[in-house]
C-alpha atoms as a PDB file:
ATOM      1  CA  MET A   1       0.000   0.000   0.000  1.00  0.00           C
ATOM      2  CA  THR A   2       1.282   3.449  -0.951  1.00  0.00           C
ATOM      3  CA  VAL A   3       0.484   6.315   1.413  1.00  0.00           C
ATOM      4  CA  PHE A   4       0.886  10.076   0.969  1.00  0.00           C
ATOM      5  CA  PHE A   5       1.168  12.273   4.070  1.00  0.00           C
ATOM      6  CA  TYR A   6       0.340  15.981   3.726  1.00  0.00           C
ATOM      7  CA  ASP A   7      -0.529  19.060   5.792  1.00  0.00           C
ATOM      8  CA  LYS A   8      -4.330  18.738   5.577  1.00  0.00           C
ATOM      9  CA  THR A   9      -4.839  21.809   3.371  1.00  0.00           C
ATOM     10  CA  PHE A  10      -6.545  22.097  -0.001  1.00  0.00           C
ATOM     11  CA  ASP A  11      -3.332  23.389  -1.587  1.00  0.00           C
ATOM     12  CA  GLY A  12      -1.611  20.422   0.030  1.00  0.00           C
ATOM     13  CA  LEU A  13      -4.031  18.061  -1.700  1.00  0.00           C
ATOM     14  CA  LEU A  14      -3.367  19.794  -5.033  1.00  0.00           C
ATOM     15  CA  SER A  15       0.349  19.382  -4.345  1.00  0.00           C
ATOM     16  CA  CYS A  16      -0.290  15.654  -3.852  1.00  0.00           C
ATOM     17  CA  ILE A  17      -1.773  15.540  -7.352  1.00  0.00           C
ATOM     18  CA  PHE A  18       1.300  17.266  -8.803  1.00  0.00           C
ATOM     19  CA  PHE A  19       3.665  14.982  -6.855  1.00  0.00           C
ATOM     20  CA  ALA A  20       1.856  11.874  -8.084  1.00  0.00           C
ATOM     21  CA  TYR A  21       2.101  12.833 -11.765  1.00  0.00           C
ATOM     22  CA  GLU A  22       5.645  14.141 -11.426  1.00  0.00           C
ATOM     23  CA  ASN A  23       6.892  10.900  -9.855  1.00  0.00           C
ATOM     24  CA  ARG A  24       4.421   8.508 -11.477  1.00  0.00           C
ATOM     25  CA  VAL A  25       3.412   7.258  -8.029  1.00  0.00           C
ATOM     26  CA  PHE A  26      -0.276   7.135  -7.142  1.00  0.00           C
ATOM     27  CA  PRO A  27      -1.460   6.654  -3.555  1.00  0.00           C
ATOM     28  CA  ASP A  28      -3.846   4.128  -2.099  1.00  0.00           C
ATOM     29  CA  LEU A  29      -4.352   6.426   0.878  1.00  0.00           C
ATOM     30  CA  ILE A  30      -3.765  10.113   1.696  1.00  0.00           C
ATOM     31  CA  LEU A  31      -3.426  11.034   5.360  1.00  0.00           C
ATOM     32  CA  GLU A  32      -2.656  14.032   7.534  1.00  0.00           C
ATOM     33  CA  GLU A  33       0.980  14.228   8.652  1.00  0.00           C
ATOM     34  CA  ALA A  34       0.100  13.721  12.314  1.00  0.00           C
ATOM     35  CA  VAL A  35      -1.665  10.401  11.676  1.00  0.00           C
ATOM     36  CA  GLN A  36       0.217   7.214  12.506  1.00  0.00           C
ATOM     37  CA  LYS A  37       1.384   5.175   9.534  1.00  0.00           C
ATOM     38  CA  PRO A  38      -1.103   2.340   8.866  1.00  0.00           C
ATOM     39  CA  LEU A  39      -0.121  -1.307   9.032  1.00  0.00           C
ATOM     40  CA  PHE A  40       0.855  -2.964   5.746  1.00  0.00           C
ATOM     41  CA  THR A  41       2.213   0.318   4.358  1.00  0.00           C
ATOM     42  CA  GLU A  42       4.801  -0.605   1.756  1.00  0.00           C
ATOM     43  CA  VAL A  43       5.800   2.874   0.634  1.00  0.00           C
ATOM     44  CA  SER A  44       5.041   6.295   2.122  1.00  0.00           C
ATOM     45  CA  TYR A  45       5.815   9.840   0.991  1.00  0.00           C
ATOM     46  CA  ARG A  46       5.581  13.170   2.774  1.00  0.00           C
ATOM     47  CA  VAL A  47       4.320  15.680   0.236  1.00  0.00           C
ATOM     48  CA  THR A  48       5.320  19.298   0.853  1.00  0.00           C
ATOM     49  CA  THR A  49       2.751  21.926  -0.046  1.00  0.00           C
ATOM     50  CA  GLU A  50       4.076  24.164  -2.820  1.00  0.00           C
ATOM     51  CA  ASP A  51       1.895  27.074  -3.907  1.00  0.00           C
ATOM     52  CA  GLU A  52       3.264  27.195  -7.452  1.00  0.00           C
ATOM     53  CA  LYS A  53       2.630  23.505  -8.102  1.00  0.00           C
ATOM     54  CA  ALA A  54      -0.818  23.666  -6.483  1.00  0.00           C
ATOM     55  CA  ALA A  55      -1.663  26.625  -8.748  1.00  0.00           C
ATOM     56  CA  ARG A  56      -0.631  24.654 -11.835  1.00  0.00           C
ATOM     57  CA  VAL A  57      -2.921  21.782 -10.890  1.00  0.00           C
ATOM     58  CA  TRP A  58      -5.801  24.167 -10.237  1.00  0.00           C
ATOM     59  CA  LYS A  59      -5.239  25.864 -13.608  1.00  0.00           C
ATOM     60  CA  ALA A  60      -5.423  22.461 -15.303  1.00  0.00           C
ATOM     61  CA  LEU A  61      -8.705  21.745 -13.520  1.00  0.00           C
ATOM     62  CA  GLU A  62     -10.109  25.148 -14.547  1.00  0.00           C
ATOM     63  CA  LYS A  63      -9.714  24.079 -18.173  1.00  0.00           C
ATOM     64  CA  LYS A  64     -11.675  20.867 -17.614  1.00  0.00           C
ATOM     65  CA  LEU A  65     -14.314  21.807 -15.028  1.00  0.00           C
ATOM     66  CA  SER A  66     -17.057  24.425 -14.896  1.00  0.00           C
ATOM     67  CA  LEU A  67     -17.202  26.964 -12.070  1.00  0.00           C
ATOM     68  CA  THR A  68     -20.114  25.019 -10.563  1.00  0.00           C
ATOM     69  CA  ALA A  69     -18.096  21.797 -10.544  1.00  0.00           C
ATOM     70  CA  ARG A  70     -15.082  23.517  -8.985  1.00  0.00           C
ATOM     71  CA  LYS A  71     -17.266  24.997  -6.237  1.00  0.00           C
ATOM     72  CA  ALA A  72     -18.778  21.568  -5.620  1.00  0.00           C
ATOM     73  CA  MET A  73     -15.304  20.076  -5.390  1.00  0.00           C
ATOM     74  CA  PHE A  74     -14.313  22.620  -2.754  1.00  0.00           C
ATOM     75  CA  ALA A  75     -17.549  21.930  -0.881  1.00  0.00           C
ATOM     76  CA  VAL A  76     -16.556  18.260  -0.755  1.00  0.00           C
ATOM     77  CA  TRP A  77     -13.244  19.323   0.764  1.00  0.00           C
ATOM     78  CA  LEU A  78     -15.081  21.326   3.440  1.00  0.00           C
ATOM     79  CA  SER A  79     -17.164  18.276   4.368  1.00  0.00           C
ATOM     80  CA  GLU A  80     -14.180  16.918   6.356  1.00  0.00           C
ATOM     81  CA  LEU A  81     -15.338  13.341   5.784  1.00  0.00           C
ATOM     82  CA  GLU A  82     -12.732  10.578   6.057  1.00  0.00           C
ATOM     83  CA  GLU A  83     -13.152   9.657   2.404  1.00  0.00           C
ATOM     84  CA  THR A  84     -12.551  13.226   1.186  1.00  0.00           C
ATOM     85  CA  GLU A  85      -8.875  13.048   0.200  1.00  0.00           C
ATOM     86  CA  MET A  86      -9.007   9.908  -1.904  1.00  0.00           C
ATOM     87  CA  LEU A  87     -12.411  10.777  -3.380  1.00  0.00           C
ATOM     88  CA  LEU A  88     -11.158  14.170  -4.569  1.00  0.00           C
ATOM     89  CA  PHE A  89      -7.844  12.704  -5.713  1.00  0.00           C
ATOM     90  CA  ARG A  90      -9.642  10.207  -7.947  1.00  0.00           C
ATOM     91  CA  TYR A  91     -12.094  12.860  -9.162  1.00  0.00           C
ATOM     92  CA  MET A  92      -9.317  15.319 -10.065  1.00  0.00           C
ATOM     93  CA  ARG A  93      -7.218  12.643 -11.713  1.00  0.00           C
ATOM     94  CA  LYS A  94     -10.087  11.454 -13.900  1.00  0.00           C
ATOM     95  CA  ASN A  95     -10.794  14.996 -15.060  1.00  0.00           C
ATOM     96  CA  ILE A  96      -7.139  15.733 -15.758  1.00  0.00           C
ATOM     97  CA  ASP A  97      -6.634  12.501 -17.724  1.00  0.00           C
ATOM     98  CA  LEU A  98      -9.721  12.774 -19.939  1.00  0.00           C
ATOM     99  CA  PRO A  99      -9.717  15.277 -22.849  1.00  0.00           C
ATOM    100  CA  GLN A 100     -13.040  16.904 -21.945  1.00  0.00           C
ATOM    101  CA  GLY A 101     -13.318  16.148 -18.242  1.00  0.00           C
ATOM    102  CA  MET A 102     -16.150  14.119 -16.765  1.00  0.00           C
ATOM    103  CA  GLU A 103     -18.203  16.310 -14.446  1.00  0.00           C
ATOM    104  CA  MET A 104     -21.395  15.302 -16.288  1.00  0.00           C
ATOM    105  CA  ASN A 105     -20.658  11.585 -16.255  1.00  0.00           C
ATOM    106  CA  PHE A 106     -23.248  10.555 -13.687  1.00  0.00           C
ATOM    107  CA  GLY A 107     -22.547   6.908 -14.328  1.00  0.00           C
ATOM    108  CA  ASP A 108     -19.266   7.312 -12.465  1.00  0.00           C
ATOM    109  CA  ASP A 109     -19.386   6.545  -8.732  1.00  0.00           C
ATOM    110  CA  ASP A 110     -16.946   9.317  -7.796  1.00  0.00           C
ATOM    111  CA  VAL A 111     -18.905  11.950  -9.723  1.00  0.00           C
ATOM    112  CA  LEU A 112     -22.126  10.851  -8.014  1.00  0.00           C
ATOM    113  CA  ARG A 113     -20.529  10.789  -4.573  1.00  0.00           C
ATOM    114  CA  CYS A 114     -18.976  14.252  -5.006  1.00  0.00           C
ATOM    115  CA  GLY A 115     -22.352  15.647  -6.017  1.00  0.00           C
ATOM    116  CA  GLU A 116     -24.070  14.000  -3.057  1.00  0.00           C
ATOM    117  CA  ILE A 117     -21.574  15.363  -0.525  1.00  0.00           C
ATOM    118  CA  ALA A 118     -21.560  18.836  -2.105  1.00  0.00           C
ATOM    119  CA  ARG A 119     -25.351  19.043  -1.743  1.00  0.00           C
ATOM    120  CA  LYS A 120     -25.156  18.039   1.925  1.00  0.00           C
ATOM    121  CA  VAL A 121     -22.533  20.699   2.604  1.00  0.00           C
ATOM    122  CA  ALA A 122     -24.607  23.313   0.752  1.00  0.00           C
ATOM    123  CA  ARG A 123     -27.637  22.438   2.915  1.00  0.00           C
ATOM    124  CA  ASP A 124     -25.504  22.752   6.028  1.00  0.00           C
ATOM    125  CA  ALA A 125     -24.342  26.209   4.911  1.00  0.00           C
ATOM    126  CA  GLN A 126     -27.938  27.258   4.198  1.00  0.00           C
ATOM    127  CA  ARG A 127     -29.069  26.164   7.634  1.00  0.00           C
ATOM    128  CA  LEU A 128     -26.163  28.045   9.135  1.00  0.00           C
ATOM    129  CA  ILE A 129     -27.520  31.199   7.486  1.00  0.00           C
ATOM    130  CA  GLN A 130     -31.023  30.458   8.796  1.00  0.00           C
ATOM    131  CA  PHE A 131     -30.128  29.669  12.382  1.00  0.00           C
ATOM    132  CA  ILE A 132     -27.289  32.043  13.226  1.00  0.00           C
ATOM    133  CA  ARG A 133     -28.115  34.331  16.162  1.00  0.00           C
ATOM    134  CA  PHE A 134     -25.942  37.399  16.720  1.00  0.00           C
ATOM    135  CA  GLN A 135     -25.360  38.857  20.180  1.00  0.00           C
ATOM    136  CA  GLU A 136     -24.343  42.501  20.508  1.00  0.00           C
ATOM    137  CA  THR A 137     -21.304  42.832  22.753  1.00  0.00           C
ATOM    138  CA  ALA A 138     -20.453  45.742  25.015  1.00  0.00           C
ATOM    139  CA  ASP A 139     -17.879  46.998  22.498  1.00  0.00           C
ATOM    140  CA  GLY A 140     -20.400  47.064  19.634  1.00  0.00           C
ATOM    141  CA  ILE A 141     -19.385  43.888  17.814  1.00  0.00           C
ATOM    142  CA  TYR A 142     -22.087  41.363  16.885  1.00  0.00           C
ATOM    143  CA  PHE A 143     -20.973  37.869  17.891  1.00  0.00           C
ATOM    144  CA  ALA A 144     -22.499  34.582  16.684  1.00  0.00           C
ATOM    145  CA  PRO A 145     -21.289  31.196  17.951  1.00  0.00           C
ATOM    146  CA  VAL A 146     -21.950  28.216  15.666  1.00  0.00           C
ATOM    147  CA  SER A 147     -21.017  24.549  15.456  1.00  0.00           C
ATOM    148  CA  PRO A 148     -21.910  23.311  11.955  1.00  0.00           C
ATOM    149  CA  GLN A 149     -21.685  19.676  10.944  1.00  0.00           C
ATOM    150  CA  HIS A 150     -19.294  20.584   8.129  1.00  0.00           C
ATOM    151  CA  ASN A 151     -16.667  23.317   7.866  1.00  0.00           C
ATOM    152  CA  THR A 152     -19.081  25.800   6.275  1.00  0.00           C
ATOM    153  CA  VAL A 153     -18.341  29.078   8.092  1.00  0.00           C
ATOM    154  CA  ARG A 154     -16.249  30.401   5.204  1.00  0.00           C
ATOM    155  CA  MET A 155     -19.074  29.618   2.785  1.00  0.00           C
ATOM    156  CA  VAL A 156     -21.468  32.064   4.469  1.00  0.00           C
ATOM    157  CA  ALA A 157     -19.022  34.982   4.750  1.00  0.00           C
ATOM    158  CA  ARG A 158     -20.159  36.644   1.510  1.00  0.00           C
ATOM    159  CA  HIS A 159     -23.832  36.462   2.507  1.00  0.00           C
ATOM    160  CA  PHE A 160     -23.329  38.127   5.871  1.00  0.00           C
ATOM    161  CA  LYS A 161     -20.930  40.711   4.486  1.00  0.00           C
ATOM    162  CA  ALA A 162     -23.696  41.811   2.114  1.00  0.00           C
ATOM    163  CA  ARG A 163     -26.519  41.391   4.630  1.00  0.00           C
ATOM    164  CA  PHE A 164     -24.865  43.167   7.577  1.00  0.00           C
ATOM    165  CA  SER A 165     -22.433  45.505   5.868  1.00  0.00           C
ATOM    166  CA  ASP A 166     -23.136  48.359   8.306  1.00  0.00           C
ATOM    167  CA  ARG A 167     -21.932  46.670  11.489  1.00  0.00           C
ATOM    168  CA  PRO A 168     -18.861  44.684  12.613  1.00  0.00           C
ATOM    169  CA  TRP A 169     -19.498  41.034  13.344  1.00  0.00           C
ATOM    170  CA  VAL A 170     -17.821  37.751  14.228  1.00  0.00           C
ATOM    171  CA  ILE A 171     -19.066  34.282  13.329  1.00  0.00           C
ATOM    172  CA  TYR A 172     -17.154  31.811  15.467  1.00  0.00           C
ATOM    173  CA  ASP A 173     -17.014  28.045  14.943  1.00  0.00           C
ATOM    174  CA  THR A 174     -16.714  26.635  18.461  1.00  0.00           C
ATOM    175  CA  ARG A 175     -16.033  23.129  17.169  1.00  0.00           C
ATOM    176  CA  ARG A 176     -13.096  24.058  14.930  1.00  0.00           C
ATOM    177  CA  ARG A 177     -11.980  26.988  17.090  1.00  0.00           C
ATOM    178  CA  PHE A 178     -11.731  29.672  14.443  1.00  0.00           C
ATOM    179  CA  GLY A 179     -13.952  32.468  13.240  1.00  0.00           C
ATOM    180  CA  ILE A 180     -14.443  35.087  10.557  1.00  0.00           C
ATOM    181  CA  TYR A 181     -14.438  38.774  11.467  1.00  0.00           C
ATOM    182  CA  TYR A 182     -15.933  41.625   9.428  1.00  0.00           C
ATOM    183  CA  ASP A 183     -14.524  45.073  10.287  1.00  0.00           C
ATOM    184  CA  LEU A 184     -16.826  47.094   7.956  1.00  0.00           C
ATOM    185  CA  LYS A 185     -14.288  46.666   5.133  1.00  0.00           C
ATOM    186  CA  THR A 186     -12.927  43.162   4.840  1.00  0.00           C
ATOM    187  CA  VAL A 187     -13.536  39.674   6.200  1.00  0.00           C
ATOM    188  CA  SER A 188     -10.599  37.923   7.864  1.00  0.00           C
ATOM    189  CA  GLU A 189     -10.085  34.769   9.889  1.00  0.00           C
ATOM    190  CA  ILE A 190      -9.480  34.994  13.632  1.00  0.00           C
ATOM    191  CA  ILE A 191      -8.372  32.566  16.338  1.00  0.00           C
ATOM    192  CA  PHE A 192      -8.839  33.015  20.078  1.00  0.00           C
ATOM    193  CA  SER A 193      -6.543  31.773  22.813  1.00  0.00           C
ATOM    194  CA  ASP A 194      -7.224  28.303  24.211  1.00  0.00           C
ATOM    195  CA  GLU A 195      -8.625  29.849  27.380  1.00  0.00           C
ATOM    196  CA  GLU A 196     -11.039  32.076  25.480  1.00  0.00           C
ATOM    197  CA  ALA A 197     -11.991  29.231  23.130  1.00  0.00           C
ATOM    198  CA  GLU A 198     -12.990  27.096  26.100  1.00  0.00           C
ATOM    199  CA  LYS A 199     -15.216  29.880  27.434  1.00  0.00           C
ATOM    200  CA  LEU A 200     -16.848  30.386  24.035  1.00  0.00           C
ATOM    201  CA  ALA A 201     -17.672  26.695  23.583  1.00  0.00           C
ATOM    202  CA  SER A 202     -20.989  27.134  25.407  1.00  0.00           C
ATOM    203  CA  GLY A 203     -21.983  29.946  23.054  1.00  0.00           C
ATOM    204  CA  LYS A 204     -23.128  32.089  25.972  1.00  0.00           C
ATOM    205  CA  LEU A 205     -21.235  35.300  26.560  1.00  0.00           C
ATOM    206  CA  ASP A 206     -20.843  36.557  30.108  1.00  0.00           C
ATOM    207  CA  LYS A 207     -23.399  39.227  30.967  1.00  0.00           C
ATOM    208  CA  GLU A 208     -20.697  41.857  31.416  1.00  0.00           C
ATOM    209  CA  LYS A 209     -19.611  41.256  27.816  1.00  0.00           C
ATOM    210  CA  LEU A 210     -23.111  41.913  26.431  1.00  0.00           C
ATOM    211  CA  SER A 211     -24.491  45.346  25.667  1.00  0.00           C
ATOM    212  CA  GLU A 212     -27.435  46.566  27.751  1.00  0.00           C
ATOM    213  CA  ASN A 213     -29.682  46.470  24.688  1.00  0.00           C
ATOM    214  CA  GLU A 214     -28.738  42.852  23.979  1.00  0.00           C
ATOM    215  CA  THR A 215     -29.747  41.682  27.439  1.00  0.00           C
ATOM    216  CA  VAL A 216     -33.140  43.361  27.081  1.00  0.00           C
ATOM    217  CA  LEU A 217     -33.664  42.090  23.533  1.00  0.00           C
ATOM    218  CA  GLN A 218     -32.878  38.506  24.492  1.00  0.00           C
ATOM    219  CA  THR A 219     -35.423  38.662  27.282  1.00  0.00           C
ATOM    220  CA  LEU A 220     -38.055  40.150  24.961  1.00  0.00           C
ATOM    221  CA  TRP A 221     -37.365  37.624  22.215  1.00  0.00           C
ATOM    222  CA  LYS A 222     -37.738  34.669  24.599  1.00  0.00           C
ATOM    223  CA  GLU A 223     -40.993  36.101  25.915  1.00  0.00           C
ATOM    224  CA  TYR A 224     -42.301  36.667  22.365  1.00  0.00           C
ATOM    225  CA  PHE A 225     -41.381  33.117  21.392  1.00  0.00           C
ATOM    226  CA  ARG A 226     -43.136  31.713  24.470  1.00  0.00           C
ATOM    227  CA  THR A 227     -46.234  33.859  24.001  1.00  0.00           C
ATOM    228  CA  MET A 228     -46.674  33.070  20.291  1.00  0.00           C
ATOM    229  CA  ALA A 229     -46.369  29.315  20.788  1.00  0.00           C
ATOM    230  CA  ILE A 230     -49.672  27.412  20.744  1.00  0.00           C
ATOM    231  CA  LYS A 231     -49.249  24.522  23.149  1.00  0.00           C
ATOM    232  CA  GLU A 232     -52.101  22.493  21.642  1.00  0.00           C
ATOM    233  CA  ARG A 233     -50.405  22.560  18.233  1.00  0.00           C
ATOM    234  CA  GLU A 234     -46.953  21.637  19.496  1.00  0.00           C
ATOM    235  CA  ASN A 235     -45.218  19.181  17.146  1.00  0.00           C
ATOM    236  CA  LEU A 236     -41.685  18.469  18.317  1.00  0.00           C
ATOM    237  CA  ARG A 237     -41.008  16.018  15.495  1.00  0.00           C
ATOM    238  CA  LEU A 238     -41.829  18.605  12.827  1.00  0.00           C
ATOM    239  CA  GLN A 239     -39.897  21.243  14.743  1.00  0.00           C
ATOM    240  CA  ARG A 240     -36.787  19.071  14.751  1.00  0.00           C
ATOM    241  CA  GLN A 241     -37.177  18.443  11.015  1.00  0.00           C
ATOM    242  CA  ASN A 242     -37.262  22.155  10.201  1.00  0.00           C
ATOM    243  CA  MET A 243     -34.865  23.196  12.953  1.00  0.00           C
ATOM    244  CA  PRO A 244     -32.414  20.323  13.664  1.00  0.00           C
ATOM    245  CA  LYS A 245     -31.649  19.923  17.336  1.00  0.00           C
ATOM    246  CA  ARG A 246     -27.888  20.385  16.882  1.00  0.00           C
ATOM    247  CA  TYR A 247     -28.569  24.089  16.197  1.00  0.00           C
ATOM    248  CA  TRP A 248     -30.629  24.657  19.355  1.00  0.00           C
ATOM    249  CA  LYS A 249     -27.601  25.164  21.582  1.00  0.00           C
ATOM    250  CA  TYR A 250     -26.999  28.645  20.153  1.00  0.00           C
ATOM    251  CA  LEU A 251     -30.591  29.737  19.537  1.00  0.00           C
ATOM    252  CA  THR A 252     -31.698  32.359  22.062  1.00  0.00           C
ATOM    253  CA  GLU A 253     -35.328  31.252  21.936  1.00  0.00           C
ATOM    254  CA  MET A 254     -34.435  27.622  22.713  1.00  0.00           C
ATOM    255  CA  GLN A 255     -32.454  28.363  25.845  1.00  0.00           C
END
């Protein structure tokens, strides 16, 4: 069995493609560098991420794949599923080797699987947009903790930049311990200290960190939600279908 080890980045995966063609060695498994070498490994390589080589692979894919297919491919990468590396490696290789690419070949298992995963990730991103709840902090920044199933925080940045362009905000992924910050001009990634990340895992900011208006609004919103609910028509099964329970942790009205 031939194994490639890489740095768990998308450019790193593209570098694996370049390395494979350059050395005529194709992996049976691609793993993160920190992972222990599997049993029965005959040959292993540590592939260094090189921006220039990754760019050349991406340019080759641009010639074979539509923008929609390339976005879907990146969505598969953001799924973080165990099969992702080898699935994308096979998908990229097939498209590079064939004269016209094969994104429309729905008889191919890898094409079908990539499409299936991409749709799941897109749904996760859409639900993230629907269920995000911002909290206004004492320093005027709107903070939203999230914990999506897939790594979709980056996918919603453009939406919120357009939707809330007049206020600074942070969307923070408590599971992956990084966030995106909009400063009224640009969106950038941020990371908190381990101590702060632990505090933010609950999604509840300390009262002293909230603005006075936020405390009042949260109270009013909970009261509105309680008042509008019709107990006789309560349908928890339908509620969980439309609002999956994994999002409840950060919804003000569900606390």
